[in-house]
Amino acid sequence: MEPRVNFGRWSAVCVDAGIVPSESDYRRVRRAWRGIGRHYHTLAHLDSCLRELDGARELALRPDEVELALWFHDAIYRSWRRDNEARSADLAATLLRAAPVETVERIRQMILATKHDDPDFSGDTALVVDIDLAILGAPRDAYWRFAQAIRREYWWVPRTRYAAGRSKILERILGRGAIYTHDRFHERYESAARANIAAELQSLQGSSAPEQPQQQ
């Protein structure tokens, strides 16, 4: 499949948002996604998000803003920091400063929403969140590659501590009335996501965090 993460795509979404495309800004965003210590939060994740958007673009009120939020949402990522989303939003605000203030602020808020600590989003923000969480509903083998990649990003965390922290996050997601807001994502991913999360939680509680299940 042809990769979505390219200068042509970046240029097109910038033009749609009323911004003059900058190759240097594009390269800066790509470099950010290639930061050290990444195993899941890579350009491949960004590419997957853009593919999800391409299949659901008609759900967006402002598709250019949704796409730009995705380009930036994990641009800054260090597993030992708690402000990655805020720093990614700040980078977006800096590079997109030529856009209208209200556009930049909406993009910032969409990026901040990918912290996933609030389930009550709607509209374009909910779409960005649904896209970011699509991996949870992936086929089981793909989900476990994702879970193992996340564990490698947290290599510095002792196993027991990692299992406790990861379980808390997964239990919070599983405890929601619905993981996905938009019907398209709910119908496609909800059931698989719940099964995957339950399987990973079982693995974590068995102190095999996260190993391939015998039967995410």
N, C-alpha and C. Protein backbone atom coordinates (compact mmCIF):
# COMPACT_ATOMS: atom_id res chain seq x y z
N MET A 1 0.83 -1.19 0.00
CA MET A 1 0.00 0.00 0.00
C MET A 1 0.87 1.25 0.00
N GLU A 2 0.45 2.24 -0.74
CA GLU A 2 1.21 3.48 -0.81
C GLU A 2 1.11 4.21 0.53
N PRO A 3 2.23 4.66 1.08
CA PRO A 3 2.20 5.36 2.36
C PRO A 3 1.48 6.70 2.26
N ARG A 4 0.73 7.02 3.30
CA ARG A 4 0.02 8.30 3.36
C ARG A 4 0.93 9.43 3.85
N VAL A 5 1.96 9.09 4.57
CA VAL A 5 2.82 10.11 5.18
C VAL A 5 3.84 10.59 4.15
N ASN A 6 3.45 11.58 3.38
CA ASN A 6 4.34 12.13 2.36
C ASN A 6 4.08 13.62 2.21
N PHE A 7 5.00 14.30 1.54
CA PHE A 7 4.89 15.75 1.43
C PHE A 7 3.68 16.17 0.61
N GLY A 8 3.30 15.37 -0.38
CA GLY A 8 2.13 15.70 -1.16
C GLY A 8 0.88 15.76 -0.31
N ARG A 9 0.74 14.78 0.59
CA ARG A 9 -0.43 14.77 1.46
C ARG A 9 -0.37 15.92 2.45
N TRP A 10 0.80 16.15 3.02
CA TRP A 10 0.97 17.28 3.94
C TRP A 10 0.61 18.59 3.25
N SER A 11 1.08 18.78 2.04
CA SER A 11 0.82 20.01 1.30
C SER A 11 -0.68 20.20 1.08
N ALA A 12 -1.36 19.11 0.69
CA ALA A 12 -2.78 19.20 0.39
C ALA A 12 -3.59 19.60 1.62
N VAL A 13 -3.29 19.01 2.78
CA VAL A 13 -4.08 19.35 3.96
C VAL A 13 -3.76 20.75 4.45
N CYS A 14 -2.52 21.19 4.28
CA CYS A 14 -2.19 22.56 4.64
C CYS A 14 -2.96 23.55 3.78
N VAL A 15 -3.00 23.30 2.47
CA VAL A 15 -3.75 24.18 1.56
C VAL A 15 -5.22 24.20 1.95
N ASP A 16 -5.78 23.04 2.27
CA ASP A 16 -7.19 22.98 2.67
C ASP A 16 -7.45 23.80 3.93
N ALA A 17 -6.45 23.87 4.79
CA ALA A 17 -6.59 24.63 6.05
C ALA A 17 -6.20 26.10 5.89
N GLY A 18 -5.83 26.48 4.67
CA GLY A 18 -5.47 27.87 4.42
C GLY A 18 -4.06 28.22 4.82
N ILE A 19 -3.17 27.23 4.82
CA ILE A 19 -1.77 27.43 5.22
C ILE A 19 -0.88 27.15 4.03
N VAL A 20 0.12 27.97 3.83
CA VAL A 20 1.09 27.72 2.76
C VAL A 20 1.96 26.55 3.18
N PRO A 21 2.00 25.48 2.40
CA PRO A 21 2.80 24.30 2.78
C PRO A 21 4.28 24.64 2.90
N SER A 22 4.89 24.05 3.92
CA SER A 22 6.32 24.24 4.14
C SER A 22 7.00 22.88 4.21
N GLU A 23 7.96 22.65 3.33
CA GLU A 23 8.66 21.37 3.36
C GLU A 23 9.49 21.24 4.63
N SER A 24 10.01 22.34 5.12
CA SER A 24 10.81 22.28 6.35
C SER A 24 9.93 21.90 7.55
N ASP A 25 8.69 22.41 7.58
CA ASP A 25 7.77 22.02 8.65
C ASP A 25 7.41 20.55 8.53
N TYR A 26 7.17 20.10 7.31
CA TYR A 26 6.87 18.69 7.08
C TYR A 26 8.01 17.81 7.58
N ARG A 27 9.22 18.19 7.26
CA ARG A 27 10.38 17.40 7.70
C ARG A 27 10.53 17.43 9.22
N ARG A 28 10.19 18.56 9.80
CA ARG A 28 10.28 18.66 11.26
C ARG A 28 9.28 17.71 11.92
N VAL A 29 8.08 17.63 11.37
CA VAL A 29 7.08 16.72 11.93
C VAL A 29 7.53 15.27 11.77
N ARG A 30 8.03 14.93 10.60
CA ARG A 30 8.53 13.57 10.38
C ARG A 30 9.66 13.22 11.35
N ARG A 31 10.58 14.16 11.54
CA ARG A 31 11.69 13.91 12.47
C ARG A 31 11.17 13.67 13.88
N ALA A 32 10.16 14.44 14.26
CA ALA A 32 9.60 14.25 15.61
C ALA A 32 9.05 12.84 15.78
N TRP A 33 8.34 12.34 14.78
CA TRP A 33 7.77 10.99 14.85
C TRP A 33 8.84 9.91 14.84
N ARG A 34 10.05 10.26 14.44
CA ARG A 34 11.13 9.28 14.40
C ARG A 34 12.01 9.35 15.64
N GLY A 35 11.52 9.94 16.70
CA GLY A 35 12.30 10.05 17.93
C GLY A 35 12.72 8.70 18.48
N ILE A 36 13.75 8.71 19.27
CA ILE A 36 14.29 7.46 19.83
C ILE A 36 13.29 6.81 20.78
N GLY A 37 13.41 5.51 20.92
CA GLY A 37 12.62 4.77 21.89
C GLY A 37 11.20 4.45 21.46
N ARG A 38 10.88 4.68 20.19
CA ARG A 38 9.53 4.42 19.71
C ARG A 38 9.44 3.04 19.06
N HIS A 39 8.39 2.34 19.41
CA HIS A 39 8.13 1.04 18.80
C HIS A 39 6.71 0.96 18.25
N TYR A 40 5.78 1.68 18.89
CA TYR A 40 4.41 1.77 18.36
C TYR A 40 4.12 3.18 17.85
N HIS A 41 4.50 4.20 18.60
CA HIS A 41 4.19 5.58 18.23
C HIS A 41 5.16 6.07 17.16
N THR A 42 5.03 5.48 16.00
CA THR A 42 5.94 5.72 14.89
C THR A 42 5.17 6.27 13.69
N LEU A 43 5.90 6.51 12.60
CA LEU A 43 5.24 6.94 11.37
C LEU A 43 4.24 5.90 10.87
N ALA A 44 4.46 4.64 11.20
CA ALA A 44 3.51 3.60 10.80
C ALA A 44 2.16 3.82 11.50
N HIS A 45 2.18 4.26 12.75
CA HIS A 45 0.94 4.58 13.46
C HIS A 45 0.25 5.77 12.82
N LEU A 46 1.01 6.79 12.49
CA LEU A 46 0.43 7.95 11.81
C LEU A 46 -0.20 7.52 10.48
N ASP A 47 0.51 6.70 9.72
CA ASP A 47 0.00 6.22 8.45
C ASP A 47 -1.32 5.47 8.65
N SER A 48 -1.38 4.63 9.69
CA SER A 48 -2.61 3.89 9.97
C SER A 48 -3.76 4.83 10.31
N CYS A 49 -3.45 5.88 11.07
CA CYS A 49 -4.49 6.85 11.43
C CYS A 49 -5.02 7.56 10.20
N LEU A 50 -4.13 7.92 9.29
CA LEU A 50 -4.57 8.60 8.07
C LEU A 50 -5.41 7.66 7.21
N ARG A 51 -5.09 6.38 7.20
CA ARG A 51 -5.90 5.41 6.47
C ARG A 51 -7.29 5.29 7.08
N GLU A 52 -7.36 5.29 8.41
CA GLU A 52 -8.66 5.25 9.07
C GLU A 52 -9.47 6.50 8.71
N LEU A 53 -8.82 7.64 8.69
CA LEU A 53 -9.52 8.87 8.32
C LEU A 53 -10.05 8.80 6.90
N ASP A 54 -9.25 8.25 6.00
CA ASP A 54 -9.68 8.16 4.60
C ASP A 54 -10.95 7.34 4.45
N GLY A 55 -11.16 6.40 5.36
CA GLY A 55 -12.36 5.58 5.31
C GLY A 55 -13.55 6.18 6.06
N ALA A 56 -13.31 7.31 6.71
CA ALA A 56 -14.39 7.91 7.52
C ALA A 56 -14.43 9.43 7.38
N ARG A 57 -13.87 9.93 6.30
CA ARG A 57 -13.73 11.38 6.14
C ARG A 57 -15.08 12.09 6.16
N GLU A 58 -16.11 11.43 5.67
CA GLU A 58 -17.41 12.10 5.62
C GLU A 58 -17.99 12.35 7.01
N LEU A 59 -17.41 11.71 8.04
CA LEU A 59 -17.87 11.94 9.41
C LEU A 59 -17.34 13.25 9.99
N ALA A 60 -16.32 13.81 9.35
CA ALA A 60 -15.68 15.01 9.88
C ALA A 60 -16.41 16.28 9.47
N LEU A 61 -16.55 17.19 10.42
CA LEU A 61 -17.10 18.50 10.12
C LEU A 61 -16.06 19.35 9.40
N ARG A 62 -14.84 19.26 9.87
CA ARG A 62 -13.71 19.98 9.28
C ARG A 62 -12.58 18.96 9.05
N PRO A 63 -12.64 18.21 7.97
CA PRO A 63 -11.67 17.12 7.76
C PRO A 63 -10.22 17.57 7.73
N ASP A 64 -9.95 18.79 7.26
CA ASP A 64 -8.57 19.27 7.25
C ASP A 64 -8.04 19.41 8.67
N GLU A 65 -8.87 19.89 9.59
CA GLU A 65 -8.43 20.04 10.98
C GLU A 65 -8.24 18.68 11.65
N VAL A 66 -9.14 17.75 11.36
CA VAL A 66 -8.99 16.39 11.91
C VAL A 66 -7.68 15.79 11.43
N GLU A 67 -7.39 15.94 10.14
CA GLU A 67 -6.16 15.36 9.61
C GLU A 67 -4.93 16.01 10.23
N LEU A 68 -4.93 17.33 10.37
CA LEU A 68 -3.77 17.99 10.97
C LEU A 68 -3.60 17.58 12.42
N ALA A 69 -4.70 17.38 13.14
CA ALA A 69 -4.60 16.89 14.52
C ALA A 69 -3.92 15.52 14.55
N LEU A 70 -4.26 14.67 13.58
CA LEU A 70 -3.63 13.35 13.52
C LEU A 70 -2.14 13.46 13.19
N TRP A 71 -1.78 14.35 12.29
CA TRP A 71 -0.37 14.53 11.95
C TRP A 71 0.47 14.88 13.18
N PHE A 72 -0.14 15.58 14.12
CA PHE A 72 0.62 16.07 15.28
C PHE A 72 0.38 15.30 16.57
N HIS A 73 -0.64 14.43 16.64
CA HIS A 73 -1.11 13.97 17.94
C HIS A 73 -0.07 13.20 18.76
N ASP A 74 0.83 12.49 18.12
CA ASP A 74 1.91 11.80 18.85
C ASP A 74 3.28 12.25 18.36
N ALA A 75 3.34 13.44 17.80
CA ALA A 75 4.62 13.93 17.27
C ALA A 75 5.67 14.00 18.37
N ILE A 76 5.26 14.43 19.54
CA ILE A 76 6.16 14.44 20.70
C ILE A 76 5.77 13.27 21.57
N TYR A 77 6.70 12.37 21.80
CA TYR A 77 6.39 11.19 22.60
C TYR A 77 7.64 10.69 23.32
N ARG A 78 7.58 10.75 24.63
CA ARG A 78 8.60 10.17 25.49
C ARG A 78 7.86 9.40 26.57
N SER A 79 8.09 8.10 26.68
CA SER A 79 7.29 7.27 27.57
C SER A 79 7.41 7.68 29.03
N TRP A 80 8.48 8.39 29.38
CA TRP A 80 8.69 8.77 30.77
C TRP A 80 8.08 10.14 31.10
N ARG A 81 7.45 10.80 30.13
CA ARG A 81 6.86 12.11 30.36
C ARG A 81 5.34 12.01 30.41
N ARG A 82 4.71 12.96 31.07
CA ARG A 82 3.25 13.00 31.18
C ARG A 82 2.64 14.14 30.38
N ASP A 83 3.47 14.87 29.66
CA ASP A 83 2.97 16.04 28.94
C ASP A 83 3.14 15.91 27.43
N ASN A 84 3.19 14.68 26.93
CA ASN A 84 3.41 14.49 25.50
C ASN A 84 2.32 15.14 24.65
N GLU A 85 1.06 14.97 25.04
CA GLU A 85 -0.02 15.56 24.26
C GLU A 85 0.06 17.08 24.28
N ALA A 86 0.36 17.65 25.44
CA ALA A 86 0.47 19.11 25.53
C ALA A 86 1.62 19.63 24.68
N ARG A 87 2.73 18.90 24.68
CA ARG A 87 3.88 19.33 23.89
C ARG A 87 3.61 19.14 22.39
N SER A 88 2.88 18.09 22.05
CA SER A 88 2.50 17.89 20.65
C SER A 88 1.56 19.00 20.20
N ALA A 89 0.62 19.37 21.07
CA ALA A 89 -0.30 20.46 20.75
C ALA A 89 0.45 21.77 20.59
N ASP A 90 1.44 21.99 21.41
CA ASP A 90 2.25 23.22 21.30
C ASP A 90 3.02 23.24 19.98
N LEU A 91 3.54 22.09 19.58
CA LEU A 91 4.25 22.03 18.30
C LEU A 91 3.29 22.36 17.16
N ALA A 92 2.08 21.82 17.22
CA ALA A 92 1.09 22.12 16.19
C ALA A 92 0.80 23.62 16.15
N ALA A 93 0.62 24.22 17.32
CA ALA A 93 0.33 25.65 17.37
C ALA A 93 1.46 26.46 16.77
N THR A 94 2.68 26.01 16.99
CA THR A 94 3.84 26.73 16.45
C THR A 94 3.91 26.62 14.93
N LEU A 95 3.78 25.41 14.42
CA LEU A 95 3.94 25.21 12.98
C LEU A 95 2.71 25.64 12.18
N LEU A 96 1.57 25.70 12.83
CA LEU A 96 0.33 26.08 12.13
C LEU A 96 -0.09 27.51 12.48
N ARG A 97 0.83 28.30 12.95
CA ARG A 97 0.51 29.65 13.43
C ARG A 97 -0.09 30.55 12.35
N ALA A 98 0.12 30.22 11.07
CA ALA A 98 -0.45 31.04 10.00
C ALA A 98 -1.94 30.79 9.82
N ALA A 99 -2.47 29.74 10.42
CA ALA A 99 -3.90 29.43 10.31
C ALA A 99 -4.69 30.35 11.24
N PRO A 100 -5.99 30.49 11.00
CA PRO A 100 -6.82 31.28 11.92
C PRO A 100 -6.70 30.77 13.35
N VAL A 101 -6.77 31.67 14.30
CA VAL A 101 -6.60 31.32 15.71
C VAL A 101 -7.59 30.23 16.13
N GLU A 102 -8.84 30.34 15.70
CA GLU A 102 -9.84 29.37 16.10
C GLU A 102 -9.54 27.98 15.51
N THR A 103 -8.95 27.94 14.33
CA THR A 103 -8.56 26.67 13.72
C THR A 103 -7.47 26.00 14.54
N VAL A 104 -6.47 26.78 14.89
CA VAL A 104 -5.36 26.24 15.68
C VAL A 104 -5.86 25.74 17.03
N GLU A 105 -6.76 26.47 17.65
CA GLU A 105 -7.26 26.07 18.96
C GLU A 105 -8.07 24.78 18.87
N ARG A 106 -8.87 24.63 17.83
CA ARG A 106 -9.62 23.37 17.68
C ARG A 106 -8.67 22.20 17.48
N ILE A 107 -7.63 22.40 16.70
CA ILE A 107 -6.64 21.33 16.49
C ILE A 107 -5.93 21.00 17.80
N ARG A 108 -5.57 22.02 18.55
CA ARG A 108 -4.92 21.80 19.85
C ARG A 108 -5.81 20.94 20.75
N GLN A 109 -7.09 21.27 20.81
CA GLN A 109 -7.99 20.53 21.69
C GLN A 109 -8.16 19.08 21.24
N MET A 110 -8.16 18.85 19.94
CA MET A 110 -8.24 17.47 19.44
C MET A 110 -7.00 16.67 19.83
N ILE A 111 -5.85 17.29 19.75
CA ILE A 111 -4.61 16.62 20.14
C ILE A 111 -4.63 16.31 21.63
N LEU A 112 -5.03 17.27 22.44
CA LEU A 112 -5.08 17.06 23.89
C LEU A 112 -6.06 15.94 24.25
N ALA A 113 -7.10 15.76 23.45
CA ALA A 113 -8.09 14.70 23.74
C ALA A 113 -7.50 13.31 23.61
N THR A 114 -6.40 13.17 22.87
CA THR A 114 -5.80 11.84 22.69
C THR A 114 -5.06 11.36 23.94
N LYS A 115 -5.15 12.14 25.00
CA LYS A 115 -4.67 11.64 26.29
C LYS A 115 -5.62 10.56 26.82
N HIS A 116 -6.86 10.57 26.31
CA HIS A 116 -7.87 9.54 26.59
C HIS A 116 -8.25 9.45 28.07
N ASP A 117 -8.27 10.60 28.74
CA ASP A 117 -8.70 10.58 30.14
C ASP A 117 -10.12 11.12 30.30
N ASP A 118 -10.78 11.42 29.19
CA ASP A 118 -12.16 11.90 29.21
C ASP A 118 -12.92 11.25 28.06
N PRO A 119 -13.94 10.44 28.37
CA PRO A 119 -14.66 9.74 27.30
C PRO A 119 -15.74 10.57 26.62
N ASP A 120 -16.03 11.75 27.15
CA ASP A 120 -17.18 12.53 26.69
C ASP A 120 -16.79 13.57 25.66
N PHE A 121 -16.51 13.11 24.45
CA PHE A 121 -16.21 14.00 23.34
C PHE A 121 -17.24 13.79 22.24
N SER A 122 -17.33 14.77 21.38
CA SER A 122 -18.26 14.66 20.25
C SER A 122 -17.62 15.28 19.02
N GLY A 123 -18.30 15.14 17.88
CA GLY A 123 -17.85 15.78 16.67
C GLY A 123 -16.46 15.36 16.23
N ASP A 124 -15.70 16.33 15.75
CA ASP A 124 -14.37 16.04 15.22
C ASP A 124 -13.41 15.53 16.28
N THR A 125 -13.56 16.02 17.49
CA THR A 125 -12.69 15.54 18.57
C THR A 125 -12.92 14.05 18.82
N ALA A 126 -14.18 13.65 18.86
CA ALA A 126 -14.50 12.23 19.04
C ALA A 126 -13.97 11.39 17.88
N LEU A 127 -13.98 11.96 16.68
CA LEU A 127 -13.47 11.22 15.52
C LEU A 127 -11.97 10.98 15.65
N VAL A 128 -11.23 11.99 16.07
CA VAL A 128 -9.79 11.82 16.28
C VAL A 128 -9.53 10.75 17.33
N VAL A 129 -10.29 10.78 18.42
CA VAL A 129 -10.13 9.79 19.48
C VAL A 129 -10.47 8.39 18.97
N ASP A 130 -11.57 8.26 18.24
CA ASP A 130 -11.94 6.95 17.68
C ASP A 130 -10.84 6.41 16.77
N ILE A 131 -10.30 7.27 15.94
CA ILE A 131 -9.23 6.84 15.02
C ILE A 131 -8.00 6.40 15.80
N ASP A 132 -7.63 7.16 16.81
CA ASP A 132 -6.44 6.83 17.60
C ASP A 132 -6.60 5.50 18.32
N LEU A 133 -7.85 5.17 18.70
CA LEU A 133 -8.11 3.93 19.44
C LEU A 133 -8.49 2.76 18.54
N ALA A 134 -8.47 2.96 17.23
CA ALA A 134 -8.86 1.88 16.33
C ALA A 134 -8.02 0.64 16.52
N ILE A 135 -6.75 0.80 16.90
CA ILE A 135 -5.85 -0.34 17.10
C ILE A 135 -6.40 -1.31 18.14
N LEU A 136 -7.18 -0.82 19.08
CA LEU A 136 -7.72 -1.71 20.12
C LEU A 136 -8.64 -2.78 19.53
N GLY A 137 -9.24 -2.46 18.40
CA GLY A 137 -10.15 -3.42 17.76
C GLY A 137 -9.52 -4.17 16.61
N ALA A 138 -8.21 -4.16 16.53
CA ALA A 138 -7.50 -4.85 15.46
C ALA A 138 -7.62 -6.37 15.63
N PRO A 139 -7.35 -7.13 14.57
CA PRO A 139 -7.28 -8.59 14.73
C PRO A 139 -6.30 -8.96 15.84
N ARG A 140 -6.52 -10.10 16.44
CA ARG A 140 -5.80 -10.46 17.67
C ARG A 140 -4.27 -10.39 17.52
N ASP A 141 -3.73 -10.91 16.44
CA ASP A 141 -2.28 -10.90 16.26
C ASP A 141 -1.75 -9.47 16.18
N ALA A 142 -2.46 -8.62 15.45
CA ALA A 142 -2.03 -7.22 15.33
C ALA A 142 -2.13 -6.51 16.66
N TYR A 143 -3.17 -6.83 17.43
CA TYR A 143 -3.30 -6.21 18.75
C TYR A 143 -2.14 -6.60 19.65
N TRP A 144 -1.74 -7.86 19.59
CA TRP A 144 -0.66 -8.27 20.47
C TRP A 144 0.69 -7.72 20.03
N ARG A 145 0.86 -7.47 18.76
CA ARG A 145 2.08 -6.76 18.33
C ARG A 145 2.07 -5.35 18.89
N PHE A 146 0.91 -4.73 18.88
CA PHE A 146 0.75 -3.40 19.47
C PHE A 146 1.07 -3.42 20.96
N ALA A 147 0.49 -4.37 21.69
CA ALA A 147 0.71 -4.46 23.14
C ALA A 147 2.18 -4.68 23.46
N GLN A 148 2.83 -5.52 22.68
CA GLN A 148 4.25 -5.78 22.91
C GLN A 148 5.11 -4.57 22.55
N ALA A 149 4.69 -3.82 21.53
CA ALA A 149 5.42 -2.61 21.16
C ALA A 149 5.31 -1.55 22.25
N ILE A 150 4.13 -1.42 22.84
CA ILE A 150 3.96 -0.48 23.95
C ILE A 150 4.85 -0.89 25.12
N ARG A 151 4.90 -2.19 25.39
CA ARG A 151 5.77 -2.64 26.49
C ARG A 151 7.23 -2.28 26.21
N ARG A 152 7.68 -2.41 24.97
CA ARG A 152 9.06 -2.06 24.65
C ARG A 152 9.31 -0.56 24.82
N GLU A 153 8.29 0.24 24.60
CA GLU A 153 8.47 1.68 24.83
C GLU A 153 8.63 1.99 26.31
N TYR A 154 8.12 1.11 27.15
CA TYR A 154 8.25 1.28 28.60
C TYR A 154 9.25 0.28 29.17
N TRP A 155 10.31 0.02 28.44
CA TRP A 155 11.31 -0.97 28.85
C TRP A 155 11.91 -0.67 30.22
N TRP A 156 11.92 0.60 30.57
CA TRP A 156 12.57 1.05 31.81
C TRP A 156 11.69 0.85 33.05
N VAL A 157 10.42 0.46 32.84
CA VAL A 157 9.50 0.26 33.96
C VAL A 157 9.53 -1.21 34.39
N PRO A 158 9.75 -1.49 35.67
CA PRO A 158 9.74 -2.88 36.14
C PRO A 158 8.42 -3.58 35.79
N ARG A 159 8.50 -4.87 35.56
CA ARG A 159 7.35 -5.64 35.09
C ARG A 159 6.11 -5.45 35.96
N THR A 160 6.25 -5.58 37.28
CA THR A 160 5.09 -5.48 38.17
C THR A 160 4.47 -4.10 38.10
N ARG A 161 5.31 -3.08 38.10
CA ARG A 161 4.81 -1.71 38.02
C ARG A 161 4.14 -1.45 36.68
N TYR A 162 4.73 -1.97 35.62
CA TYR A 162 4.12 -1.80 34.31
C TYR A 162 2.75 -2.46 34.25
N ALA A 163 2.67 -3.68 34.75
CA ALA A 163 1.40 -4.42 34.72
C ALA A 163 0.32 -3.65 35.46
N ALA A 164 0.67 -3.06 36.61
CA ALA A 164 -0.32 -2.32 37.40
C ALA A 164 -0.77 -1.06 36.65
N GLY A 165 0.18 -0.32 36.09
CA GLY A 165 -0.16 0.90 35.39
C GLY A 165 -0.94 0.66 34.12
N ARG A 166 -0.50 -0.32 33.35
CA ARG A 166 -1.19 -0.66 32.10
C ARG A 166 -2.60 -1.18 32.39
N SER A 167 -2.74 -2.00 33.42
CA SER A 167 -4.05 -2.53 33.78
C SER A 167 -5.02 -1.42 34.14
N LYS A 168 -4.52 -0.42 34.85
CA LYS A 168 -5.38 0.70 35.26
C LYS A 168 -5.93 1.43 34.03
N ILE A 169 -5.07 1.65 33.05
CA ILE A 169 -5.49 2.33 31.82
C ILE A 169 -6.51 1.50 31.07
N LEU A 170 -6.22 0.22 30.91
CA LEU A 170 -7.12 -0.67 30.16
C LEU A 170 -8.47 -0.83 30.87
N GLU A 171 -8.44 -0.93 32.18
CA GLU A 171 -9.69 -1.07 32.93
C GLU A 171 -10.55 0.19 32.80
N ARG A 172 -9.90 1.35 32.75
CA ARG A 172 -10.65 2.59 32.57
C ARG A 172 -11.35 2.62 31.21
N ILE A 173 -10.63 2.18 30.18
CA ILE A 173 -11.24 2.13 28.84
C ILE A 173 -12.35 1.09 28.80
N LEU A 174 -12.09 -0.07 29.36
CA LEU A 174 -13.09 -1.15 29.33
C LEU A 174 -14.34 -0.77 30.13
N GLY A 175 -14.18 0.10 31.12
CA GLY A 175 -15.30 0.49 31.95
C GLY A 175 -16.23 1.50 31.32
N ARG A 176 -15.87 2.01 30.17
CA ARG A 176 -16.74 2.98 29.49
C ARG A 176 -17.99 2.29 28.93
N GLY A 177 -19.05 3.05 28.85
CA GLY A 177 -20.26 2.51 28.24
C GLY A 177 -20.01 2.11 26.80
N ALA A 178 -19.20 2.89 26.11
CA ALA A 178 -18.78 2.58 24.74
C ALA A 178 -17.37 3.13 24.55
N ILE A 179 -16.51 2.34 23.93
CA ILE A 179 -15.15 2.79 23.66
C ILE A 179 -15.15 3.79 22.52
N TYR A 180 -16.00 3.55 21.53
CA TYR A 180 -16.04 4.38 20.32
C TYR A 180 -17.33 5.19 20.28
N THR A 181 -17.22 6.40 19.80
CA THR A 181 -18.37 7.31 19.74
C THR A 181 -19.15 7.17 18.45
N HIS A 182 -18.46 7.17 17.33
CA HIS A 182 -19.14 7.10 16.03
C HIS A 182 -19.59 5.67 15.73
N ASP A 183 -20.79 5.55 15.19
CA ASP A 183 -21.36 4.24 14.91
C ASP A 183 -20.43 3.39 14.03
N ARG A 184 -19.80 4.01 13.06
CA ARG A 184 -18.93 3.25 12.15
C ARG A 184 -17.82 2.56 12.92
N PHE A 185 -17.20 3.25 13.84
CA PHE A 185 -16.11 2.67 14.63
C PHE A 185 -16.65 1.69 15.66
N HIS A 186 -17.78 2.03 16.26
CA HIS A 186 -18.37 1.14 17.25
C HIS A 186 -18.73 -0.21 16.63
N GLU A 187 -19.38 -0.16 15.48
CA GLU A 187 -19.80 -1.40 14.83
C GLU A 187 -18.61 -2.23 14.34
N ARG A 188 -17.56 -1.55 13.94
CA ARG A 188 -16.41 -2.26 13.37
C ARG A 188 -15.45 -2.78 14.44
N TYR A 189 -15.28 -2.01 15.54
CA TYR A 189 -14.19 -2.31 16.47
C TYR A 189 -14.60 -2.62 17.91
N GLU A 190 -15.78 -2.22 18.32
CA GLU A 190 -16.11 -2.29 19.76
C GLU A 190 -15.97 -3.70 20.33
N SER A 191 -16.59 -4.68 19.70
CA SER A 191 -16.57 -6.04 20.23
C SER A 191 -15.16 -6.60 20.30
N ALA A 192 -14.40 -6.42 19.22
CA ALA A 192 -13.02 -6.93 19.19
C ALA A 192 -12.15 -6.20 20.21
N ALA A 193 -12.37 -4.90 20.35
CA ALA A 193 -11.57 -4.13 21.31
C ALA A 193 -11.79 -4.63 22.73
N ARG A 194 -13.01 -4.90 23.08
CA ARG A 194 -13.30 -5.38 24.44
C ARG A 194 -12.68 -6.77 24.66
N ALA A 195 -12.72 -7.61 23.66
CA ALA A 195 -12.11 -8.93 23.80
C ALA A 195 -10.59 -8.81 23.90
N ASN A 196 -10.00 -7.95 23.10
CA ASN A 196 -8.55 -7.76 23.14
C ASN A 196 -8.09 -7.22 24.48
N ILE A 197 -8.80 -6.21 24.98
CA ILE A 197 -8.43 -5.60 26.26
C ILE A 197 -8.58 -6.61 27.39
N ALA A 198 -9.66 -7.37 27.38
CA ALA A 198 -9.86 -8.38 28.42
C ALA A 198 -8.74 -9.42 28.40
N ALA A 199 -8.31 -9.81 27.19
CA ALA A 199 -7.23 -10.79 27.08
C ALA A 199 -5.91 -10.21 27.59
N GLU A 200 -5.65 -8.95 27.27
CA GLU A 200 -4.39 -8.35 27.76
C GLU A 200 -4.44 -8.20 29.27
N LEU A 201 -5.57 -7.81 29.81
CA LEU A 201 -5.69 -7.69 31.26
C LEU A 201 -5.43 -9.02 31.94
N GLN A 202 -5.94 -10.08 31.37
CA GLN A 202 -5.70 -11.41 31.94
C GLN A 202 -4.21 -11.73 31.91
N SER A 203 -3.56 -11.39 30.80
CA SER A 203 -2.13 -11.62 30.68
C SER A 203 -1.35 -10.80 31.71
N LEU A 204 -1.72 -9.54 31.86
CA LEU A 204 -1.04 -8.66 32.81
C LEU A 204 -1.21 -9.16 34.24
N GLN A 205 -2.39 -9.60 34.56
CA GLN A 205 -2.65 -10.09 35.91
C GLN A 205 -1.93 -11.40 36.19
N GLY A 206 -1.55 -12.10 35.09
CA GLY A 206 -0.78 -13.32 35.24
C GLY A 206 0.71 -13.08 35.22
N SER A 207 1.10 -11.77 35.26
CA SER A 207 2.50 -11.37 35.29
C SER A 207 3.27 -11.79 34.05
N SER A 208 2.59 -11.84 32.92
CA SER A 208 3.27 -12.15 31.66
C SER A 208 3.12 -10.97 30.72
N ALA A 209 3.33 -9.81 31.23
CA ALA A 209 2.95 -8.56 30.56
C ALA A 209 3.89 -8.10 29.48
N PRO A 210 3.40 -7.96 28.26
CA PRO A 210 2.31 -8.74 27.70
C PRO A 210 2.90 -9.79 26.79
N GLU A 211 2.54 -11.02 26.97
CA GLU A 211 3.04 -12.10 26.14
C GLU A 211 1.91 -12.58 25.23
N GLN A 212 2.28 -13.33 24.20
CA GLN A 212 1.28 -13.86 23.29
C GLN A 212 0.33 -14.78 24.05
N PRO A 213 -1.00 -14.59 23.93
CA PRO A 213 -1.94 -15.45 24.65
C PRO A 213 -1.92 -16.86 24.10
N GLN A 214 -2.31 -17.82 24.90
CA GLN A 214 -2.33 -19.20 24.46
C GLN A 214 -3.50 -19.43 23.48
N GLN A 215 -4.43 -18.78 23.51
CA GLN A 215 -5.55 -19.10 22.64
C GLN A 215 -5.50 -18.56 21.24
N GLN A 216 -5.76 -9.88 22.18
CA GLN A 216 -5.84 -8.78 22.23
C GLN A 216 -5.94 -8.56 21.14
